[in-house]
Amino acid sequence: MSVSSSSTATTPAPTRRANLPSLTGLRFFAALLVFFFHASLMDSPIPPNAPINPFADDGVAGFFTTAFSKAGYMGVSFFFVLSGFVLAWASRPGERLTSFWRRRVFKIFPNHLVVFAASMLLFAGAAVTSVGDWLPNMLLIHTFFPQPSINLSVNPPSWSLGSEFLFYMLFPLLMVGIRRIAEKRLWLWSGLMVAGMVGVQLVTRFLIPATPKSAITPISDLQFWFGYLFPPARVFEFALGILLARIVLAGRWPRRIGFGVSLVLSVLGYAAALVAPFEYGFVVATIIPVAALICSVASGDVEGRETWLRSRPMVWLGEVSFGFYLVQGVTIFYLRSLLGESTYSVPVAVLVVIGFFAVSLLGGWLLYRYVETPAMRRWSRARKRPAAVTAPETAPETAPETAPVPAPVSATIPAQATAHHDSLAQRPSTPVRG
């Protein structure tokens, strides 16, 4: 069945699309992968690139670093695909661009600016003295610059928000085109997106200069920028997420590829990332497992399956995962700097990592509770003007309406990354919102 090219024709869908609480819970594990990646680093992204890994035993330290050396890359790729999936799931034809972009801006910028300020106060302000280094970061355009002093400045994990910001700007245009793809061709187009990701890494490996080498990776700074940080190179993942949402909505996701199979694929993909050439560990080795995880979990929610991922604790962790993601870098890099270059016995080092996690989780909750939620409540929608009063002497006074309060936490699925990180919340008259 093909989808009409008119702007109002979409894949047939139920009047009320299912909420996806299990995907909310799954998001936290993606953020946790990024946390362990940063906690295990031998070379911090913050100059002077001192080790973060707290283990004194060389064998244990090496295992910790190797085991999580691809975790951050997989976690970020998950957020990028999820962003496209969530926005497509929530999308309805006819929404005003200004309304869509307004919600997206107020989803990411308040948290980002608070963590940006904290980073500048704690450590970045002493190292990033040029306006040309920190201003692009504040505006989330820093990853369009190839210089590491700009694209990884202030709060290094915020680089992914630069890609998310581009995704949000492109989504309305991408959605118009993807709505027109016939259902029978959705898998073909998904394959083309994966091919695009492979193409990016082929260019990175063979066409981008391999010298001078990066201080924190085995490839050059320019290769790392183009293959991993450059926002246009990551659009393939976002577009794949949109296509996958249509596949699930159309009932074309294979039921035999469930959560268990997806976990096995994830282990195999991660193992492949560990042994593949460095560039292919960014996205290519793990993209199929990431897609399978998102689709299998979403399909389970659509079918109403009860899973531990949709439990209240997991949904709460998913809700705070955006804030957790943003602050975990600041927490790890700053607290580790207070400890100097000291390393510790295994029990003490484990406690150090647990301490990093506890402070990061607290910071993520504080951002969610006191920054993200109030900002979305207050500014994500324009306030309605009061109705015109034609007979003031007899008509009752009409006060301006306040912005609608978002749905309860259990009815939402924030993204991001992203993350890089979007919400599906109930509306009284429509299924979900992006």
Protein backbone atom coordinates (compact mmCIF):
# COMPACT_ATOMS: atom_id res chain seq x y z
CA MET A 1 0.00 0.00 0.00
CA SER A 2 1.44 3.37 -0.94
CA VAL A 3 1.00 6.56 1.01
CA SER A 4 -0.60 9.47 -0.76
CA SER A 5 1.67 12.38 -1.57
CA SER A 6 -0.79 14.84 -0.11
CA SER A 7 0.23 16.49 3.12
CA THR A 8 -2.69 14.99 5.00
CA ALA A 9 -2.21 11.34 4.01
CA THR A 10 -0.27 9.14 6.41
CA THR A 11 0.12 5.50 7.21
CA PRO A 12 -3.21 4.29 8.63
CA ALA A 13 -2.99 4.41 12.38
CA PRO A 14 -5.29 3.99 15.34
CA THR A 15 -7.13 7.06 16.57
CA ARG A 16 -4.99 6.97 19.70
CA ARG A 17 -1.45 5.72 19.35
CA ALA A 18 -0.05 3.67 22.18
CA ASN A 19 2.13 5.26 24.84
CA LEU A 20 5.63 3.78 24.99
CA PRO A 21 6.67 3.57 28.67
CA SER A 22 9.08 0.67 28.09
CA LEU A 23 11.09 2.83 25.70
CA THR A 24 11.28 5.44 28.45
CA GLY A 25 12.84 2.88 30.78
CA LEU A 26 15.20 1.63 28.09
CA ARG A 27 16.52 5.15 27.60
CA PHE A 28 18.18 5.10 30.99
CA PHE A 29 20.40 2.18 29.99
CA ALA A 30 21.60 4.12 26.96
CA ALA A 31 22.56 7.01 29.24
CA LEU A 32 24.21 4.52 31.60
CA LEU A 33 26.39 3.24 28.75
CA VAL A 34 27.65 6.78 28.20
CA PHE A 35 28.33 7.15 31.93
CA PHE A 36 30.48 4.02 32.10
CA PHE A 37 32.29 5.03 28.92
CA HIS A 38 33.37 8.31 30.52
CA ALA A 39 34.16 6.74 33.90
CA SER A 40 36.50 4.23 32.22
CA LEU A 41 38.49 6.69 30.06
CA MET A 42 42.27 6.55 30.17
CA ASP A 43 42.39 9.95 28.45
CA SER A 44 39.94 12.64 29.51
CA PRO A 45 38.53 14.87 26.73
CA ILE A 46 39.38 17.84 28.98
CA PRO A 47 43.01 19.06 28.65
CA PRO A 48 45.50 17.96 29.91
CA ASN A 49 43.73 14.69 29.01
CA ALA A 50 44.57 13.00 32.32
CA PRO A 51 43.21 9.51 33.08
CA ILE A 52 39.71 9.21 34.54
CA ASN A 53 39.82 5.47 35.24
CA PRO A 54 40.28 5.15 39.06
CA PHE A 55 41.63 1.55 39.23
CA ALA A 56 45.25 1.13 40.34
CA ASP A 57 45.55 -2.47 39.14
CA ASP A 58 46.65 -2.30 35.49
CA GLY A 59 44.76 -5.46 34.57
CA VAL A 60 41.48 -4.31 36.11
CA ALA A 61 41.88 -0.78 34.73
CA GLY A 62 42.57 -2.17 31.25
CA PHE A 63 39.55 -4.45 31.40
CA PHE A 64 37.29 -1.61 32.58
CA THR A 65 38.46 0.62 29.75
CA THR A 66 38.21 -2.06 27.07
CA ALA A 67 34.83 -3.35 28.22
CA PHE A 68 33.22 0.08 27.94
CA SER A 69 35.31 1.52 25.11
CA LYS A 70 32.37 1.39 22.68
CA ALA A 71 29.57 1.90 25.20
CA GLY A 72 29.31 5.66 24.74
CA TYR A 73 29.16 5.36 20.97
CA MET A 74 26.36 2.80 21.15
CA GLY A 75 24.43 4.83 23.71
CA VAL A 76 24.54 8.01 21.62
CA SER A 77 23.53 6.14 18.46
CA PHE A 78 20.56 4.75 20.38
CA PHE A 79 19.49 8.28 21.33
CA PHE A 80 19.75 9.54 17.76
CA VAL A 81 17.63 6.71 16.33
CA LEU A 82 15.17 7.05 19.22
CA SER A 83 14.76 10.78 18.56
CA GLY A 84 13.58 10.11 15.01
CA PHE A 85 11.34 7.26 16.19
CA VAL A 86 9.67 9.29 18.95
CA LEU A 87 9.08 12.40 16.84
CA ALA A 88 7.58 10.34 14.01
CA TRP A 89 5.40 8.44 16.47
CA ALA A 90 4.04 11.69 17.83
CA SER A 91 3.80 13.48 14.49
CA ARG A 92 0.49 14.59 13.00
CA PRO A 93 0.06 16.40 9.67
CA GLY A 94 -0.91 20.02 9.91
CA GLU A 95 1.08 20.98 13.01
CA ARG A 96 2.54 24.49 12.79
CA LEU A 97 6.31 24.59 12.39
CA THR A 98 6.61 27.33 14.98
CA SER A 99 4.80 25.19 17.57
CA PHE A 100 6.99 22.18 16.83
CA TRP A 101 10.26 24.10 16.96
CA ARG A 102 9.20 25.97 20.09
CA ARG A 103 8.73 22.71 22.01
CA ARG A 104 12.02 21.33 20.79
CA VAL A 105 13.99 24.44 21.74
CA PHE A 106 12.52 24.51 25.24
CA LYS A 107 13.14 20.80 25.61
CA ILE A 108 16.91 21.03 25.27
CA PHE A 109 18.12 24.58 25.86
CA PRO A 110 17.17 25.18 29.54
CA ASN A 111 19.00 22.06 30.74
CA HIS A 112 21.89 22.73 28.39
CA LEU A 113 22.38 26.32 29.54
CA VAL A 114 22.31 25.38 33.22
CA VAL A 115 24.95 22.67 32.73
CA PHE A 116 26.95 24.99 30.46
CA ALA A 117 27.08 27.59 33.24
CA ALA A 118 28.03 24.96 35.83
CA SER A 119 30.83 23.67 33.61
CA MET A 120 32.21 27.17 33.05
CA LEU A 121 32.20 27.84 36.80
CA LEU A 122 33.72 24.52 37.84
CA PHE A 123 36.48 23.96 35.31
CA ALA A 124 35.85 25.07 31.73
CA GLY A 125 36.09 28.80 32.38
CA ALA A 126 39.77 28.49 33.29
CA ALA A 127 40.62 26.67 30.06
CA VAL A 128 38.14 28.14 27.55
CA THR A 129 38.98 31.83 27.51
CA SER A 130 38.20 32.64 23.88
CA VAL A 131 34.65 33.66 23.01
CA GLY A 132 35.10 31.78 19.76
CA ASP A 133 35.56 28.55 21.74
CA TRP A 134 32.66 28.77 24.19
CA LEU A 135 29.99 30.74 22.31
CA PRO A 136 29.40 28.06 19.63
CA ASN A 137 28.89 25.54 22.42
CA MET A 138 26.34 27.74 24.15
CA LEU A 139 24.43 28.11 20.85
CA LEU A 140 24.77 24.36 20.05
CA ILE A 141 26.53 24.96 16.75
CA HIS A 142 29.95 23.88 18.06
CA THR A 143 30.05 20.52 16.30
CA PHE A 144 30.02 22.22 12.92
CA PHE A 145 33.60 23.30 13.72
CA PRO A 146 36.40 20.74 13.20
CA GLN A 147 38.64 22.13 15.95
CA PRO A 148 38.57 20.05 19.18
CA SER A 149 38.91 23.24 21.22
CA ILE A 150 35.44 24.17 19.95
CA ASN A 151 33.54 20.94 19.24
CA LEU A 152 34.42 19.38 22.63
CA SER A 153 34.52 22.60 24.63
CA VAL A 154 32.93 23.40 28.01
CA ASN A 155 30.75 20.28 28.59
CA PRO A 156 32.03 17.61 26.13
CA PRO A 157 28.88 15.39 26.19
CA SER A 158 26.84 18.36 24.96
CA TRP A 159 28.29 17.77 21.48
CA SER A 160 25.35 15.43 20.79
CA LEU A 161 22.86 18.25 21.36
CA GLY A 162 24.32 19.98 18.32
CA SER A 163 23.20 17.01 16.23
CA GLU A 164 19.82 16.88 17.95
CA PHE A 165 19.26 20.57 17.25
CA LEU A 166 19.90 19.95 13.54
CA PHE A 167 17.53 16.97 13.61
CA TYR A 168 14.76 19.11 15.04
CA MET A 169 15.21 21.72 12.34
CA LEU A 170 15.12 19.05 9.61
CA PHE A 171 12.34 16.85 10.97
CA PRO A 172 9.35 18.59 9.32
CA LEU A 173 11.04 18.37 5.92
CA LEU A 174 12.13 14.76 6.40
CA MET A 175 8.69 13.75 7.61
CA VAL A 176 7.01 15.12 4.47
CA GLY A 177 9.21 12.92 2.30
CA ILE A 178 9.06 9.80 4.47
CA ARG A 179 5.27 9.96 4.68
CA ARG A 180 5.19 9.51 0.91
CA ILE A 181 7.16 6.26 0.94
CA ALA A 182 5.04 3.21 0.22
CA GLU A 183 4.87 0.75 3.11
CA LYS A 184 6.38 -2.02 1.00
CA ARG A 185 9.46 0.16 0.44
CA LEU A 186 10.10 1.15 4.06
CA TRP A 187 12.61 -1.63 4.60
CA LEU A 188 14.46 -0.68 1.41
CA TRP A 189 14.79 2.91 2.59
CA SER A 190 15.90 1.74 6.02
CA GLY A 191 18.65 -0.26 4.35
CA LEU A 192 19.68 2.83 2.40
CA MET A 193 20.05 4.76 5.67
CA VAL A 194 22.36 2.04 7.00
CA ALA A 195 24.30 2.19 3.74
CA GLY A 196 24.64 5.94 4.26
CA MET A 197 26.18 5.32 7.69
CA VAL A 198 28.67 2.90 6.16
CA GLY A 199 29.46 5.48 3.49
CA VAL A 200 30.25 8.13 6.11
CA GLN A 201 32.79 5.85 7.77
CA LEU A 202 34.36 4.86 4.44
CA VAL A 203 34.90 8.54 3.73
CA THR A 204 36.25 9.02 7.26
CA ARG A 205 38.72 6.15 6.92
CA PHE A 206 39.96 6.64 3.39
CA LEU A 207 39.39 10.28 2.40
CA ILE A 208 39.87 12.32 5.58
CA PRO A 209 43.50 13.03 6.57
CA ALA A 210 44.71 10.56 9.23
CA THR A 211 47.26 12.95 10.73
CA PRO A 212 47.93 14.60 13.07
CA LYS A 213 46.67 12.02 15.54
CA SER A 214 44.09 12.91 18.17
CA ALA A 215 45.12 13.17 21.83
CA ILE A 216 42.21 10.96 22.92
CA THR A 217 41.54 8.53 20.00
CA PRO A 218 43.66 6.36 17.67
CA ILE A 219 42.56 8.43 14.65
CA SER A 220 43.05 12.07 13.73
CA ASP A 221 41.02 14.91 15.19
CA LEU A 222 39.60 15.59 11.73
CA GLN A 223 38.52 11.96 11.28
CA PHE A 224 36.92 11.88 14.71
CA TRP A 225 35.06 15.10 13.97
CA PHE A 226 33.73 14.03 10.57
CA GLY A 227 32.94 10.42 11.47
CA TYR A 228 31.43 11.03 14.90
CA LEU A 229 30.75 14.67 15.79
CA PHE A 230 29.70 16.32 12.51
CA PRO A 231 25.86 16.72 12.70
CA PRO A 232 25.02 16.13 8.98
CA ALA A 233 26.85 12.78 9.15
CA ARG A 234 24.47 11.63 11.93
CA VAL A 235 21.23 12.47 10.09
CA PHE A 236 21.10 8.91 8.69
CA GLU A 237 20.45 7.54 12.20
CA PHE A 238 17.70 10.08 12.84
CA ALA A 239 16.03 9.35 9.49
CA LEU A 240 16.27 5.62 10.21
CA GLY A 241 14.35 6.21 13.44
CA ILE A 242 11.55 7.91 11.50
CA LEU A 243 11.37 5.00 9.07
CA LEU A 244 11.34 2.47 11.91
CA ALA A 245 8.40 4.25 13.55
CA ARG A 246 6.45 3.90 10.31
CA ILE A 247 7.41 0.22 10.11
CA VAL A 248 6.09 -0.45 13.62
CA LEU A 249 2.94 1.62 13.01
CA ALA A 250 2.29 -0.32 9.82
CA GLY A 251 2.62 -3.64 11.70
CA ARG A 252 5.63 -4.65 9.60
CA TRP A 253 8.11 -5.31 12.41
CA PRO A 254 8.76 -9.12 12.59
CA ARG A 255 7.31 -10.49 15.83
CA ARG A 256 10.04 -13.13 15.98
CA ILE A 257 12.58 -10.36 16.60
CA GLY A 258 11.58 -9.64 20.16
CA PHE A 259 13.43 -8.15 23.10
CA GLY A 260 15.44 -11.31 23.82
CA VAL A 261 16.66 -11.62 20.23
CA SER A 262 17.49 -7.90 20.22
CA LEU A 263 19.64 -8.31 23.34
CA VAL A 264 21.58 -11.15 21.67
CA LEU A 265 22.07 -8.99 18.59
CA SER A 266 23.28 -6.16 20.84
CA VAL A 267 25.93 -8.38 22.43
CA LEU A 268 27.10 -9.56 19.01
CA GLY A 269 27.11 -6.03 17.61
CA TYR A 270 29.06 -4.73 20.59
CA ALA A 271 31.61 -7.52 20.23
CA ALA A 272 31.97 -6.62 16.55
CA ALA A 273 32.54 -2.97 17.49
CA LEU A 274 35.37 -4.00 19.82
CA VAL A 275 37.31 -5.74 17.04
CA ALA A 276 36.32 -3.67 14.00
CA PRO A 277 38.44 -0.72 12.77
CA PHE A 278 37.91 2.17 15.15
CA GLU A 279 35.62 4.23 12.89
CA TYR A 280 33.15 1.40 12.39
CA GLY A 281 32.61 1.19 16.14
CA PHE A 282 30.93 4.63 16.15
CA VAL A 283 27.69 3.49 14.50
CA VAL A 284 28.00 0.78 11.85
CA ALA A 285 28.68 -2.26 14.05
CA THR A 286 25.80 -1.60 16.43
CA ILE A 287 23.12 0.13 14.34
CA ILE A 288 21.10 -3.01 13.56
CA PRO A 289 20.97 -4.10 17.24
CA VAL A 290 19.98 -0.54 18.23
CA ALA A 291 17.16 -0.54 15.67
CA ALA A 292 16.01 -3.98 16.83
CA LEU A 293 15.95 -2.93 20.49
CA ILE A 294 13.84 0.16 19.82
CA CYS A 295 11.37 -1.59 17.53
CA SER A 296 10.97 -4.72 19.64
CA VAL A 297 10.35 -2.73 22.83
CA ALA A 298 7.96 -0.34 21.08
CA SER A 299 6.08 -3.27 19.54
CA GLY A 300 5.69 -4.79 22.99
CA ASP A 301 4.15 -1.57 24.29
CA VAL A 302 1.79 -1.41 21.29
CA GLU A 303 0.64 -4.97 22.04
CA GLY A 304 0.21 -4.14 25.73
CA ARG A 305 2.84 -6.52 27.05
CA GLU A 306 3.79 -5.98 30.69
CA THR A 307 7.57 -5.64 31.07
CA TRP A 308 9.90 -4.56 33.87
CA LEU A 309 11.01 -1.67 31.65
CA ARG A 310 7.63 0.00 32.11
CA SER A 311 7.68 -0.23 35.89
CA ARG A 312 7.46 3.04 37.83
CA PRO A 313 11.15 3.06 38.92
CA MET A 314 12.33 2.45 35.34
CA VAL A 315 10.02 5.12 33.91
CA TRP A 316 11.34 7.56 36.52
CA LEU A 317 14.92 6.74 35.58
CA GLY A 318 14.02 7.25 31.94
CA GLU A 319 12.47 10.60 32.71
CA VAL A 320 15.63 11.89 34.39
CA SER A 321 17.98 10.32 31.85
CA PHE A 322 18.34 13.50 29.78
CA GLY A 323 19.53 15.46 32.80
CA PHE A 324 21.65 12.51 33.92
CA TYR A 325 23.31 12.38 30.50
CA LEU A 326 24.09 16.10 30.52
CA VAL A 327 25.58 16.24 34.03
CA GLN A 328 27.48 12.94 34.13
CA GLY A 329 30.40 14.38 32.16
CA VAL A 330 30.68 17.43 34.42
CA THR A 331 30.38 15.22 37.50
CA ILE A 332 33.02 12.70 36.44
CA PHE A 333 35.52 15.18 35.01
CA TYR A 334 35.26 17.65 37.88
CA LEU A 335 35.20 15.18 40.78
CA ARG A 336 38.07 13.24 39.22
CA SER A 337 40.10 16.44 38.99
CA LEU A 338 39.60 16.93 42.73
CA LEU A 339 41.12 13.50 43.31
CA GLY A 340 44.15 14.34 41.19
CA GLU A 341 45.76 11.42 39.39
CA SER A 342 45.38 9.07 42.35
CA THR A 343 44.29 5.51 41.66
CA TYR A 344 42.82 3.06 44.13
CA SER A 345 42.37 -0.57 45.09
CA VAL A 346 39.46 -2.36 43.45
CA PRO A 347 36.95 -1.89 46.35
CA VAL A 348 37.77 1.80 46.73
CA ALA A 349 37.74 2.42 42.97
CA VAL A 350 34.31 0.78 42.74
CA LEU A 351 33.08 3.12 45.48
CA VAL A 352 34.51 6.07 43.53
CA VAL A 353 32.54 5.05 40.43
CA ILE A 354 29.40 4.55 42.54
CA GLY A 355 29.94 8.04 43.95
CA PHE A 356 30.19 9.48 40.42
CA PHE A 357 26.94 7.71 39.55
CA ALA A 358 25.06 8.87 42.66
CA VAL A 359 26.02 12.52 42.16
CA SER A 360 25.18 12.33 38.44
CA LEU A 361 21.77 10.80 39.14
CA LEU A 362 21.04 13.46 41.75
CA GLY A 363 22.04 16.15 39.29
CA GLY A 364 19.87 14.60 36.58
CA TRP A 365 16.86 14.58 38.91
CA LEU A 366 17.43 18.19 39.94
CA LEU A 367 17.57 19.25 36.29
CA TYR A 368 14.41 17.30 35.48
CA ARG A 369 12.50 18.54 38.51
CA TYR A 370 13.57 22.17 38.69
CA VAL A 371 14.63 23.09 35.14
CA GLU A 372 13.25 20.82 32.42
CA THR A 373 9.74 20.29 33.74
CA PRO A 374 9.05 23.92 34.72
CA ALA A 375 10.49 25.19 31.41
CA MET A 376 8.34 22.83 29.34
CA ARG A 377 5.30 23.69 31.42
CA ARG A 378 5.80 27.43 31.10
CA TRP A 379 7.22 27.96 27.62
CA SER A 380 6.72 24.88 25.41
CA ARG A 381 3.38 26.28 24.18
CA ALA A 382 2.33 29.83 23.50
CA ARG A 383 -0.16 31.25 25.94
CA LYS A 384 -3.62 31.69 24.49
CA ARG A 385 -5.04 35.18 24.32
CA PRO A 386 -8.30 35.87 26.14
CA ALA A 387 -11.45 35.78 24.08
CA ALA A 388 -12.67 39.14 22.83
CA VAL A 389 -15.34 40.72 25.02
CA THR A 390 -18.05 42.49 23.06
CA ALA A 391 -20.14 43.67 26.00
CA PRO A 392 -17.88 44.60 28.90
CA GLU A 393 -20.71 45.90 31.01
CA THR A 394 -22.45 42.51 31.10
CA ALA A 395 -19.84 39.90 30.17
CA PRO A 396 -17.76 38.30 32.94
CA GLU A 397 -14.04 38.95 33.00
CA THR A 398 -11.93 36.52 31.00
CA ALA A 399 -8.41 35.77 32.22
CA PRO A 400 -5.65 34.54 29.90
CA GLU A 401 -5.23 30.78 29.94
CA THR A 402 -1.99 29.39 31.20
CA ALA A 403 0.07 26.88 29.27
CA PRO A 404 -1.27 23.35 29.57
CA VAL A 405 0.39 21.18 32.17
CA PRO A 406 2.13 18.12 30.67
CA ALA A 407 0.70 14.68 31.25
CA PRO A 408 1.83 12.65 34.26
CA VAL A 409 5.28 11.11 34.15
CA SER A 410 3.92 7.62 33.53
CA ALA A 411 2.37 8.75 30.26
CA THR A 412 5.52 10.23 28.75
CA ILE A 413 8.61 9.07 26.92
CA PRO A 414 11.35 11.69 26.86
CA ALA A 415 14.09 11.28 24.29
CA GLN A 416 17.56 12.39 24.76
CA ALA A 417 19.69 12.19 24.05
CA THR A 418 19.14 13.16 23.91
CA ALA A 419 19.62 13.02 24.66
CA HIS A 420 18.74 14.55 22.32
CA HIS A 421 15.65 13.80 24.00
CA ASP A 422 11.90 14.19 23.13
CA SER A 423 8.59 13.60 24.94
CA LEU A 424 5.42 11.74 24.07
CA ALA A 425 2.65 13.09 26.29
CA GLN A 426 -1.05 12.59 26.19
CA ARG A 427 -3.39 15.25 24.91
CA PRO A 428 -7.12 15.37 25.51
CA SER A 429 -7.99 15.26 21.81
CA THR A 430 -4.93 13.78 20.12
CA PRO A 431 -2.90 10.67 20.89
CA VAL A 432 0.56 12.07 21.54
CA ARG A 433 2.72 15.12 21.07
CA GLY A 434 6.32 15.50 20.00
